[in-house]
Structure formats: structure tokens, C-alpha cells
Amino acid sequence: MRKVLVTGLGGAGRTTVAAATALACARNGSRTLFLSVDPGDVLGAPVTAGHERPARVAGGLWAARIDAGADFRAEFLDLQERVSAALDLLGAARLEDAELTPLPGSDQFALLRALAVASRGDWDVLVVDMPPLRETIALLALPEELRRYLRRLLPPERQAARALRPVLAQLAGVPMPAQWLYATAGRWDTELAGVQSVVESSDTTLRIVAEPGPRAAAALLEARTGIALHGLRVDLLAANRMLPEESADPWIAALTAQQEKCLQEWHGTWQPVSSICEVPHLGRDPQGLDDLALLHTRAVTAAGEDPGDGGGLAVAPERDGAQPAGGPGRITGPPAAGHPPRTGDAVYAWELDLPGAVKETLSLVRRGDELLIAAGPFRRNLPLPSALRRCTVAGAGLADGVLKVRFTPDPGLWPRTP
């Protein structure tokens, strides 16, 4: 199943492009599901709430609205039931469904759960309307980071002790909170692992929607660093609301020239790894299936493609030859990585692609077997490859969008060689 996560800059029309993408896939013969937290009236028809009960919008296209409120209430009531014994011991009054109000952050967690559930369906293509770009990068990094927190706060080796909790509870005559704590942590870790596997799947890609211009160019330049740092893949950059190339109006002509200049820069920085699709301005706010289909048709025409070839905003059901997501970076240096060094001054280099990174906003901190990388507003804790865990950091440098961290083997940790 192809999973296409459509994000973009605020106000760039990402929900519209996401819906047009889903419709194009459906009309190309793929069973397609479109998910959105707030689809509005872009489809020209009401969208039902509840991602597990999508409504059919057109032939081959289903859509559903992610209901963050219902998701929060269900999760809270489930947790309350699991700790009911402890609540009864404390004499706490339980909360009812009708009095629960979603807390900040509920939308994000509901979206991640909906993504994981829908990915287990029998769809050919799943199109998800995501939050703005920077928020999406942080959201997709959340499962990995939360699992890291759980491992630090509740190490797996300590969870072996939970087998004794029922016995201790019977002897003491009271429930043991640690029992449900570990059980809840284990359940959360399983759910987070499922979402993380979807994010890291070779069939999951981002689609970025932006209206060409100076502000969009600066925002995307910064975002490229976060996208690379978290190992996300971008299959297409949709340049939305492109104006006509020829216009007698000098005001429109100036805007068109500005768009073309930005578009040339994007062709130089995003291709060939990502495609660029020009989506023409319709002269009005797109609404309804006819307008969404027109967006795709004009995008195909602007690219000089054949509508029957599935270009424009459409995506193929399967990604032939797609490579699974591997570990970040690559190791180089003498001798071959993984073998004991013969000299004390052998140096390894861990190279990580960080396009758009700025040296002044880049920081590195080694903590145990992890390397904390901060690049502007983006941060990630990367586990060190096994060979580098027995080394010390000798320095680092950033050149041409590649971060190179140098390591020297620690003689006390490498096996001695004759």
C-alpha cells in the first residue's frame, strides 16, 4: 500500500492538493482512502467522522474525518478502566464520557493512530492530509522519541520484575500500581512501534505543497534539514497556484516572474530525488470533485505529460524497486568498518546528509551510545552504529550539506590484535 502524507506551508492549499491527489489516484483505478482532520468542503460533500467508517465519495475514493474528540475520550476511558482498582482504592470519582474535553495535542495523537489503523486496511493508496510542514516533521518523529523515553524511564530489564507484582499484591492485599504501569507502557510501546514502522516504510512518502515565493523558499530550505535528519522521503513538491506565464497585467507579470525564479531554485535543489509538479491557479478556490479533477488535469498538461500515464498528482499503487529505510548515514575509514584497527590513530567517519544545515545552528553532543544532533529547530537522538560505540569523537565538520563526524577507536574497548 502506498501511503502519501501531504503537508506544506500554512495557507498553501495542502488540503486541496491532498484531496486532488486522492481523487487522481482513484480515477487511475486505485482503491483510495483520503483522511483529514478538517477536510472542510473541498470535496463538495460532507465527510463522515471516524476513520474506521469511511464514506464513499466517488468511484474508488473513500474519505473520512479524523475525530480527535472521540479518539481522546475512547483512550481516556480505556485507561481509566485499566486503573480502576487503584482509583477505587483512592476513593476517586470516575469521569464520564460526556464531561471529557480533548486536551492540547489530542489531534496529533488521533492522526497517528488513524494512520496506523488505515495502513492495515485493504487500500491501494492512502492519502493523509497532514498538519503544516514543521509540525508534520515533529509529529512523524514523535513515535521514535516517545519509545526512547519509555526505554529510559522503564527499562525492559526492569519489567521482568512485574511478574512478581500479582504475588506481592495478594500478600499486601492492595493493588500494585507498578503492575498496570508496566502493562500500559508495554501497550504504548507496541502502538508506537506500529506507527513508527508505517513512517519508516519504503512505501510511505511526503508530499510538500508550497506557493512559490521568497518566504516559501526560505521555509523549505530550513525544512530540508529536518526532513533529512529524520530520514523522511519526499516524492513530490507541488508548486501550487502557479500563475499564467504571459499576462498583460504588470502586477501579475511581476508575481509570475517571482514564481518562476523560485521554481528554478527548487528544480536545482529538490530534483532528481523528488519530482516537482506545477499546479496552476484556477482563478478561484477549488471546491468539489470537478475542480479537484481539473487541478490534476492542468498539472499534467503543464508538465507536457499524457493524462493516461498517471503523472501530475497521481501516484502509483506500488513503488517498484523501493528501498527500505536503512540506518541514517554511512561509515567510512580505515580499516573496513566493524573490524579492529591495527593502529591507534585509525579514524572512522560517520557521514550524514543534512542539506540546508547551517554551521552556526548545528550542535552535536555524545551521550553514551547516542549522538544528539540539533540543527536549527530540529533535534534527533541517533543511536551510534555498533562499531562507533567503541570509539571516541575526534571532531566534526559540515561541508556541502554533509555532516562528517570523526571517531577514533578506544584501545580499551577494541579487542587487541597481534
Protein backbone atom coordinates (compact mmCIF):
# COMPACT_ATOMS: atom_id res chain seq x y z
CA MET A 1 0.00 0.00 0.00
CA ARG A 2 1.26 3.46 -0.88
CA LYS A 3 0.97 5.95 1.98
CA VAL A 4 1.17 9.57 0.82
CA LEU A 5 1.38 12.16 3.59
CA VAL A 6 0.56 15.58 2.20
CA THR A 7 1.94 18.54 4.12
CA GLY A 8 3.08 22.03 3.26
CA LEU A 9 3.35 25.62 4.33
CA GLY A 10 0.44 27.29 6.07
CA GLY A 11 -2.17 28.61 3.65
CA ALA A 12 -0.56 26.96 0.62
CA GLY A 13 -3.58 24.76 -0.10
CA ARG A 14 -2.31 21.42 1.18
CA THR A 15 -5.81 20.06 1.98
CA THR A 16 -6.97 20.85 -1.56
CA VAL A 17 -3.90 19.25 -3.14
CA ALA A 18 -4.26 16.22 -0.84
CA ALA A 19 -7.89 15.74 -1.92
CA ALA A 20 -6.95 16.23 -5.60
CA THR A 21 -4.19 13.63 -5.18
CA ALA A 22 -6.63 11.13 -3.69
CA LEU A 23 -9.15 11.71 -6.48
CA ALA A 24 -6.47 11.34 -9.18
CA CYS A 25 -5.36 8.02 -7.66
CA ALA A 26 -8.94 6.77 -7.51
CA ARG A 27 -9.61 7.70 -11.14
CA ASN A 28 -6.45 5.83 -12.11
CA GLY A 29 -8.01 2.64 -10.76
CA SER A 30 -6.63 2.53 -7.19
CA ARG A 31 -8.81 1.94 -4.14
CA THR A 32 -8.01 5.15 -2.30
CA LEU A 33 -8.74 6.42 1.19
CA PHE A 34 -8.47 10.14 2.00
CA LEU A 35 -8.05 11.09 5.67
CA SER A 36 -8.14 14.60 7.09
CA VAL A 37 -8.63 16.22 10.47
CA ASP A 38 -10.54 19.07 8.83
CA PRO A 39 -11.39 18.47 5.15
CA GLY A 40 -13.87 21.36 5.10
CA ASP A 41 -15.96 21.39 1.93
CA VAL A 42 -13.13 20.75 -0.51
CA LEU A 43 -14.75 17.51 -1.72
CA GLY A 44 -18.09 19.24 -2.23
CA ALA A 45 -19.75 16.72 0.07
CA PRO A 46 -19.84 16.20 3.85
CA VAL A 47 -17.18 13.84 5.20
CA THR A 48 -18.18 11.48 7.99
CA ALA A 49 -16.30 11.41 11.28
CA GLY A 50 -14.45 8.26 12.28
CA HIS A 51 -11.55 6.90 10.25
CA GLU A 52 -12.76 3.34 10.78
CA ARG A 53 -16.03 4.07 8.91
CA PRO A 54 -15.07 5.99 5.76
CA ALA A 55 -17.77 7.12 3.34
CA ARG A 56 -17.61 6.52 -0.39
CA VAL A 57 -17.24 9.85 -2.22
CA ALA A 58 -16.81 8.64 -5.80
CA GLY A 59 -15.84 5.52 -7.68
CA GLY A 60 -12.74 4.15 -5.99
CA LEU A 61 -12.50 7.04 -3.49
CA TRP A 62 -13.43 6.91 0.19
CA ALA A 63 -12.94 9.69 2.72
CA ALA A 64 -13.17 10.12 6.47
CA ARG A 65 -12.61 12.86 9.01
CA ILE A 66 -10.35 12.06 11.95
CA ASP A 67 -12.37 12.77 15.10
CA ALA A 68 -9.84 13.82 17.73
CA GLY A 69 -12.51 14.28 20.40
CA ALA A 70 -13.90 10.76 20.08
CA ASP A 71 -10.39 9.32 19.93
CA PHE A 72 -9.38 11.14 23.13
CA ARG A 73 -12.49 10.04 25.01
CA ALA A 74 -12.04 6.40 23.99
CA GLU A 75 -8.38 6.37 25.03
CA PHE A 76 -9.03 8.14 28.34
CA LEU A 77 -11.93 5.88 29.32
CA ASP A 78 -9.88 2.81 28.43
CA LEU A 79 -7.01 4.00 30.62
CA GLN A 80 -9.42 4.84 33.43
CA GLU A 81 -10.83 1.31 33.29
CA ARG A 82 -7.36 -0.21 33.42
CA VAL A 83 -6.51 1.66 36.62
CA SER A 84 -9.96 1.26 38.16
CA ALA A 85 -8.63 -0.76 41.11
CA ALA A 86 -6.20 1.99 42.09
CA LEU A 87 -8.90 4.67 41.64
CA ASP A 88 -11.30 2.73 43.87
CA LEU A 89 -8.58 2.37 46.50
CA LEU A 90 -8.11 6.14 46.50
CA GLY A 91 -11.85 6.82 46.50
CA ALA A 92 -11.59 8.82 43.28
CA ALA A 93 -14.73 9.61 41.30
CA ARG A 94 -14.56 8.42 37.72
CA LEU A 95 -15.13 10.73 34.78
CA GLU A 96 -17.93 10.11 32.31
CA ASP A 97 -17.75 10.27 28.52
CA ALA A 98 -19.96 13.38 28.29
CA GLU A 99 -17.72 15.50 30.55
CA LEU A 100 -14.43 14.80 28.75
CA THR A 101 -12.90 17.58 26.65
CA PRO A 102 -9.92 16.90 24.37
CA LEU A 103 -6.61 18.21 25.66
CA PRO A 104 -3.97 20.04 23.58
CA GLY A 105 -2.12 17.54 21.43
CA SER A 106 -5.13 15.22 21.01
CA ASP A 107 -5.35 15.99 17.29
CA GLN A 108 -1.78 14.82 16.69
CA PHE A 109 -2.16 11.54 18.56
CA ALA A 110 -5.50 10.86 16.89
CA LEU A 111 -3.89 11.41 13.48
CA LEU A 112 -1.05 8.99 14.24
CA ARG A 113 -3.48 6.32 15.42
CA ALA A 114 -5.66 6.81 12.34
CA LEU A 115 -2.59 6.48 10.12
CA ALA A 116 -1.62 3.19 11.75
CA VAL A 117 -5.16 1.75 11.59
CA ALA A 118 -5.75 2.78 7.97
CA SER A 119 -2.38 1.31 6.95
CA ARG A 120 -3.70 -2.11 7.94
CA GLY A 121 -6.65 -1.80 5.55
CA ASP A 122 -7.03 -3.18 2.04
CA TRP A 123 -6.49 0.13 0.25
CA ASP A 124 -4.13 0.58 -2.69
CA VAL A 125 -3.33 4.18 -1.78
CA LEU A 126 -3.76 6.06 1.50
CA VAL A 127 -3.64 9.86 1.28
CA VAL A 128 -3.44 11.75 4.57
CA ASP A 129 -3.91 15.49 4.95
CA MET A 130 -1.18 16.36 7.44
CA PRO A 131 -0.53 19.50 9.56
CA PRO A 132 1.86 22.25 8.37
CA LEU A 133 5.35 21.14 7.37
CA ARG A 134 7.40 21.81 10.51
CA GLU A 135 4.66 20.36 12.71
CA THR A 136 4.48 17.28 10.48
CA ILE A 137 8.22 16.66 10.76
CA ALA A 138 7.98 16.83 14.56
CA LEU A 139 4.86 14.65 14.57
CA LEU A 140 6.42 11.88 12.47
CA ALA A 141 9.47 11.91 14.75
CA LEU A 142 7.29 11.54 17.85
CA PRO A 143 6.86 7.71 17.91
CA GLU A 144 10.62 7.09 17.85
CA GLU A 145 11.26 9.70 20.54
CA LEU A 146 8.45 8.54 22.83
CA ARG A 147 9.70 4.95 22.61
CA ARG A 148 13.13 6.23 23.61
CA TYR A 149 11.59 7.96 26.66
CA LEU A 150 9.80 4.76 27.65
CA ARG A 151 13.01 2.73 27.40
CA ARG A 152 14.84 5.25 29.60
CA LEU A 153 12.10 5.61 32.22
CA LEU A 154 11.01 1.95 32.24
CA PRO A 155 13.96 -0.15 31.03
CA PRO A 156 12.93 -3.55 29.62
CA GLU A 157 15.21 -5.42 32.02
CA ARG A 158 13.32 -3.98 34.98
CA GLN A 159 9.99 -5.05 33.57
CA ALA A 160 10.88 -8.65 34.35
CA ALA A 161 10.07 -7.80 37.96
CA ARG A 162 6.42 -7.21 37.06
CA ALA A 163 5.87 -10.98 37.16
CA LEU A 164 6.13 -10.72 40.94
CA ARG A 165 3.59 -7.93 41.24
CA PRO A 166 0.45 -10.13 41.38
CA VAL A 167 2.01 -12.22 44.15
CA LEU A 168 3.02 -9.15 46.13
CA ALA A 169 -0.43 -7.65 45.62
CA GLN A 170 -2.10 -10.75 47.09
CA LEU A 171 0.24 -10.70 50.10
CA ALA A 172 -0.28 -7.00 50.72
CA GLY A 173 -3.98 -7.08 49.98
CA VAL A 174 -3.80 -3.96 47.77
CA PRO A 175 -3.21 -3.48 44.02
CA MET A 176 0.35 -2.69 42.96
CA PRO A 177 0.45 0.41 40.74
CA ALA A 178 3.64 -0.73 39.00
CA GLN A 179 1.75 -3.68 37.53
CA TRP A 180 -0.57 -1.58 35.37
CA LEU A 181 2.21 0.99 34.83
CA TYR A 182 4.41 -1.56 33.07
CA ALA A 183 1.45 -3.07 31.25
CA THR A 184 0.38 0.38 30.00
CA ALA A 185 3.95 1.22 28.98
CA GLY A 186 4.17 -2.06 27.05
CA ARG A 187 0.89 -1.36 25.26
CA TRP A 188 2.00 2.17 24.35
CA ASP A 189 5.32 0.89 23.07
CA THR A 190 3.54 -1.63 20.84
CA GLU A 191 1.25 1.05 19.41
CA LEU A 192 4.13 3.46 18.88
CA ALA A 193 6.18 0.74 17.19
CA GLY A 194 3.31 0.20 14.75
CA VAL A 195 3.17 3.89 13.85
CA GLN A 196 6.95 4.09 13.58
CA SER A 197 7.01 1.16 11.15
CA VAL A 198 4.49 2.97 8.94
CA VAL A 199 6.56 6.17 8.97
CA GLU A 200 9.76 4.29 8.13
CA SER A 201 8.18 2.10 5.46
CA SER A 202 9.64 2.38 1.96
CA ASP A 203 6.06 2.91 0.68
CA THR A 204 5.49 5.99 2.84
CA THR A 205 6.40 9.35 1.32
CA LEU A 206 5.81 13.01 1.98
CA ARG A 207 4.27 15.42 -0.49
CA ILE A 208 5.02 19.07 0.13
CA VAL A 209 2.66 21.82 -1.04
CA ALA A 210 4.04 25.35 -1.34
CA GLU A 211 3.19 28.50 -3.26
CA PRO A 212 6.46 29.62 -4.92
CA GLY A 213 7.93 32.80 -3.48
CA PRO A 214 10.76 34.12 -1.26
CA ARG A 215 9.14 33.16 2.04
CA ALA A 216 8.30 29.66 0.82
CA ALA A 217 11.85 29.21 -0.49
CA ALA A 218 13.36 30.13 2.89
CA ALA A 219 10.95 27.87 4.79
CA LEU A 220 11.61 24.88 2.54
CA LEU A 221 15.38 25.39 2.74
CA GLU A 222 15.18 25.10 6.53
CA ALA A 223 12.73 22.18 6.38
CA ARG A 224 15.03 20.13 4.14
CA THR A 225 17.41 19.77 7.08
CA GLY A 226 14.71 18.35 9.35
CA ILE A 227 13.42 16.05 6.62
CA ALA A 228 16.90 14.60 6.08
CA LEU A 229 17.70 14.43 9.79
CA HIS A 230 14.63 12.27 10.46
CA GLY A 231 15.10 10.10 7.38
CA LEU A 232 11.84 11.13 5.69
CA ARG A 233 11.35 10.74 1.94
CA VAL A 234 9.75 13.38 -0.30
CA ASP A 235 8.41 12.05 -3.58
CA LEU A 236 6.91 15.29 -4.88
CA LEU A 237 6.97 19.04 -4.33
CA ALA A 238 3.72 20.61 -5.52
CA ALA A 239 4.21 24.22 -6.61
CA ASN A 240 0.65 25.36 -6.06
CA ARG A 241 -1.31 28.29 -7.53
CA MET A 242 1.03 28.87 -10.44
CA LEU A 243 0.03 31.98 -12.39
CA PRO A 244 -0.11 32.22 -16.21
CA GLU A 245 3.29 32.74 -17.80
CA GLU A 246 2.05 35.51 -20.10
CA SER A 247 -0.09 38.33 -18.78
CA ALA A 248 -0.65 41.91 -19.93
CA ASP A 249 -1.18 42.95 -16.31
CA PRO A 250 2.22 44.15 -14.97
CA TRP A 251 1.26 43.22 -11.40
CA ILE A 252 0.51 39.61 -12.35
CA ALA A 253 3.59 39.52 -14.60
CA ALA A 254 5.80 40.53 -11.64
CA LEU A 255 4.32 37.78 -9.46
CA THR A 256 4.78 35.26 -12.27
CA ALA A 257 8.45 36.20 -12.61
CA GLN A 258 8.88 35.78 -8.87
CA GLN A 259 7.29 32.33 -9.01
CA GLU A 260 9.46 31.26 -11.95
CA LYS A 261 12.66 32.34 -10.18
CA CYS A 262 11.70 30.35 -7.09
CA LEU A 263 10.71 27.36 -9.21
CA GLN A 264 14.11 27.31 -10.92
CA GLU A 265 15.79 27.18 -7.49
CA TRP A 266 13.58 24.28 -6.44
CA HIS A 267 14.44 22.35 -9.59
CA GLY A 268 18.11 22.71 -8.67
CA THR A 269 17.75 21.67 -5.02
CA TRP A 270 14.93 19.06 -4.93
CA GLN A 271 15.47 17.12 -8.14
CA PRO A 272 16.22 14.37 -9.05
CA VAL A 273 15.38 12.85 -5.62
CA SER A 274 11.93 14.47 -5.64
CA SER A 275 9.66 15.38 -8.54
CA ILE A 276 8.23 18.86 -8.95
CA CYS A 277 4.63 19.30 -10.07
CA GLU A 278 3.28 22.68 -11.13
CA VAL A 279 -0.37 23.09 -10.11
CA PRO A 280 -1.94 26.03 -11.97
CA HIS A 281 -4.18 28.60 -10.27
CA LEU A 282 -7.83 28.08 -11.21
CA GLY A 283 -8.72 31.71 -10.57
CA ARG A 284 -10.97 30.64 -7.70
CA ASP A 285 -10.91 28.47 -4.59
CA PRO A 286 -11.26 24.85 -5.77
CA GLN A 287 -14.36 23.15 -4.43
CA GLY A 288 -15.93 19.87 -5.45
CA LEU A 289 -14.76 16.88 -7.42
CA ASP A 290 -14.84 18.68 -10.77
CA ASP A 291 -12.40 21.35 -9.59
CA LEU A 292 -10.13 18.74 -7.98
CA ALA A 293 -10.04 16.77 -11.22
CA LEU A 294 -9.29 19.98 -13.13
CA LEU A 295 -6.30 20.68 -10.88
CA HIS A 296 -4.82 17.29 -11.75
CA THR A 297 -5.57 17.65 -15.46
CA ARG A 298 -3.95 21.07 -15.68
CA ALA A 299 -0.94 19.85 -13.68
CA VAL A 300 -0.48 17.03 -16.21
CA THR A 301 -0.88 19.47 -19.11
CA ALA A 302 1.63 21.91 -17.60
CA ALA A 303 4.18 19.11 -17.41
CA GLY A 304 3.54 18.09 -21.02
CA GLU A 305 2.54 14.58 -19.92
CA ASP A 306 -0.10 12.17 -21.15
CA PRO A 307 -3.08 12.07 -18.71
CA GLY A 308 -3.23 8.30 -19.20
CA ASP A 309 0.30 7.82 -17.86
CA GLY A 310 -0.68 8.66 -14.29
CA GLY A 311 1.50 11.77 -13.97
CA GLY A 312 0.58 15.03 -12.29
CA LEU A 313 -0.72 14.49 -8.76
CA ALA A 314 -1.42 10.76 -9.12
CA VAL A 315 0.80 8.12 -7.54
CA ALA A 316 1.44 4.51 -8.47
CA PRO A 317 -0.10 1.86 -6.15
CA GLU A 318 3.27 0.18 -5.67
CA ARG A 319 6.76 1.63 -5.68
CA ASP A 320 8.80 -0.76 -7.81
CA GLY A 321 12.35 -1.14 -6.57
CA ALA A 322 11.74 0.95 -3.48
CA GLN A 323 14.45 0.50 -0.92
CA PRO A 324 13.55 0.03 2.75
CA ALA A 325 14.61 2.74 5.13
CA GLY A 326 18.05 1.93 6.45
CA GLY A 327 20.09 3.38 9.26
CA PRO A 328 21.00 7.05 8.90
CA GLY A 329 24.38 7.93 7.49
CA ARG A 330 27.28 5.85 6.27
CA ILE A 331 30.57 4.86 7.86
CA THR A 332 33.90 5.21 6.11
CA GLY A 333 37.52 4.92 7.18
CA PRO A 334 40.44 2.55 7.59
CA PRO A 335 40.17 -0.30 8.21
CA ALA A 336 36.77 -1.54 7.00
CA ALA A 337 34.04 -0.61 9.49
CA GLY A 338 33.41 -3.35 12.01
CA HIS A 339 36.98 -4.67 12.12
CA PRO A 340 39.51 -3.89 14.89
CA PRO A 341 42.00 -1.16 13.98
CA ARG A 342 45.68 -2.03 13.74
CA THR A 343 46.92 1.40 14.74
CA GLY A 344 45.94 3.82 17.44
CA ASP A 345 45.34 6.69 15.04
CA ALA A 346 42.84 4.99 12.70
CA VAL A 347 39.91 7.32 12.06
CA TYR A 348 36.34 6.47 11.13
CA ALA A 349 33.90 8.98 9.68
CA TRP A 350 30.13 8.89 10.09
CA GLU A 351 28.63 10.90 7.24
CA LEU A 352 25.07 12.20 7.44
CA ASP A 353 23.31 14.15 4.71
CA LEU A 354 21.91 17.40 6.14
CA PRO A 355 21.04 19.62 3.15
CA GLY A 356 20.32 23.18 4.15
CA ALA A 357 22.04 22.87 7.53
CA VAL A 358 23.87 25.97 8.80
CA LYS A 359 27.03 25.55 10.81
CA GLU A 360 26.09 28.29 13.28
CA THR A 361 22.85 26.50 14.26
CA LEU A 362 24.33 22.99 14.37
CA SER A 363 25.34 21.26 17.59
CA LEU A 364 26.48 17.74 18.49
CA VAL A 365 26.53 16.04 21.88
CA ARG A 366 27.52 12.45 22.57
CA ARG A 367 25.70 10.75 25.41
CA GLY A 368 26.55 7.12 25.92
CA ASP A 369 25.69 5.20 22.77
CA GLU A 370 23.74 8.08 21.22
CA LEU A 371 24.61 11.20 19.28
CA LEU A 372 22.29 14.16 19.87
CA ILE A 373 22.11 16.34 16.76
CA ALA A 374 20.44 19.74 16.82
CA ALA A 375 20.10 21.57 13.51
CA GLY A 376 18.12 24.79 13.84
CA PRO A 377 14.68 23.89 15.26
CA PHE A 378 15.15 20.15 14.64
CA ARG A 379 16.64 17.64 17.06
CA ARG A 380 17.21 13.90 16.96
CA ASN A 381 18.95 11.34 19.14
CA LEU A 382 20.68 8.89 16.82
CA PRO A 383 21.92 5.53 18.16
CA LEU A 384 25.54 5.06 17.20
CA PRO A 385 26.39 2.12 14.93
CA SER A 386 27.99 -0.73 16.90
CA ALA A 387 31.47 -0.06 15.50
CA LEU A 388 31.40 3.58 16.64
CA ARG A 389 30.20 2.82 20.16
CA ARG A 390 33.75 1.64 20.91
CA CYS A 391 35.22 4.91 19.68
CA THR A 392 35.61 8.45 20.93
CA VAL A 393 34.56 11.54 18.98
CA ALA A 394 37.59 13.22 17.40
CA GLY A 395 35.83 16.11 15.67
CA ALA A 396 33.17 17.07 13.17
CA GLY A 397 32.71 19.24 10.11
CA LEU A 398 29.91 20.39 7.80
CA ALA A 399 30.56 20.84 4.08
CA ASP A 400 28.22 20.86 1.07
CA GLY A 401 25.26 19.69 3.15
CA VAL A 402 27.10 16.67 4.58
CA LEU A 403 27.91 16.37 8.28
CA LYS A 404 31.03 14.29 8.87
CA VAL A 405 31.68 13.16 12.44
CA ARG A 406 35.15 11.67 13.02
CA PHE A 407 35.80 8.88 15.53
CA THR A 408 38.99 7.28 16.83
CA PRO A 409 38.92 3.74 18.28
CA ASP A 410 39.18 3.49 22.05
CA PRO A 411 42.00 0.98 22.74
CA GLY A 412 40.32 -0.07 25.96
CA LEU A 413 37.16 -1.17 24.14
CA TRP A 414 38.56 -2.74 20.97
CA PRO A 415 39.94 -6.28 21.12
CA ARG A 416 43.70 -6.49 20.88
CA THR A 417 45.18 -7.73 17.60
CA PRO A 418 48.58 -9.42 17.19
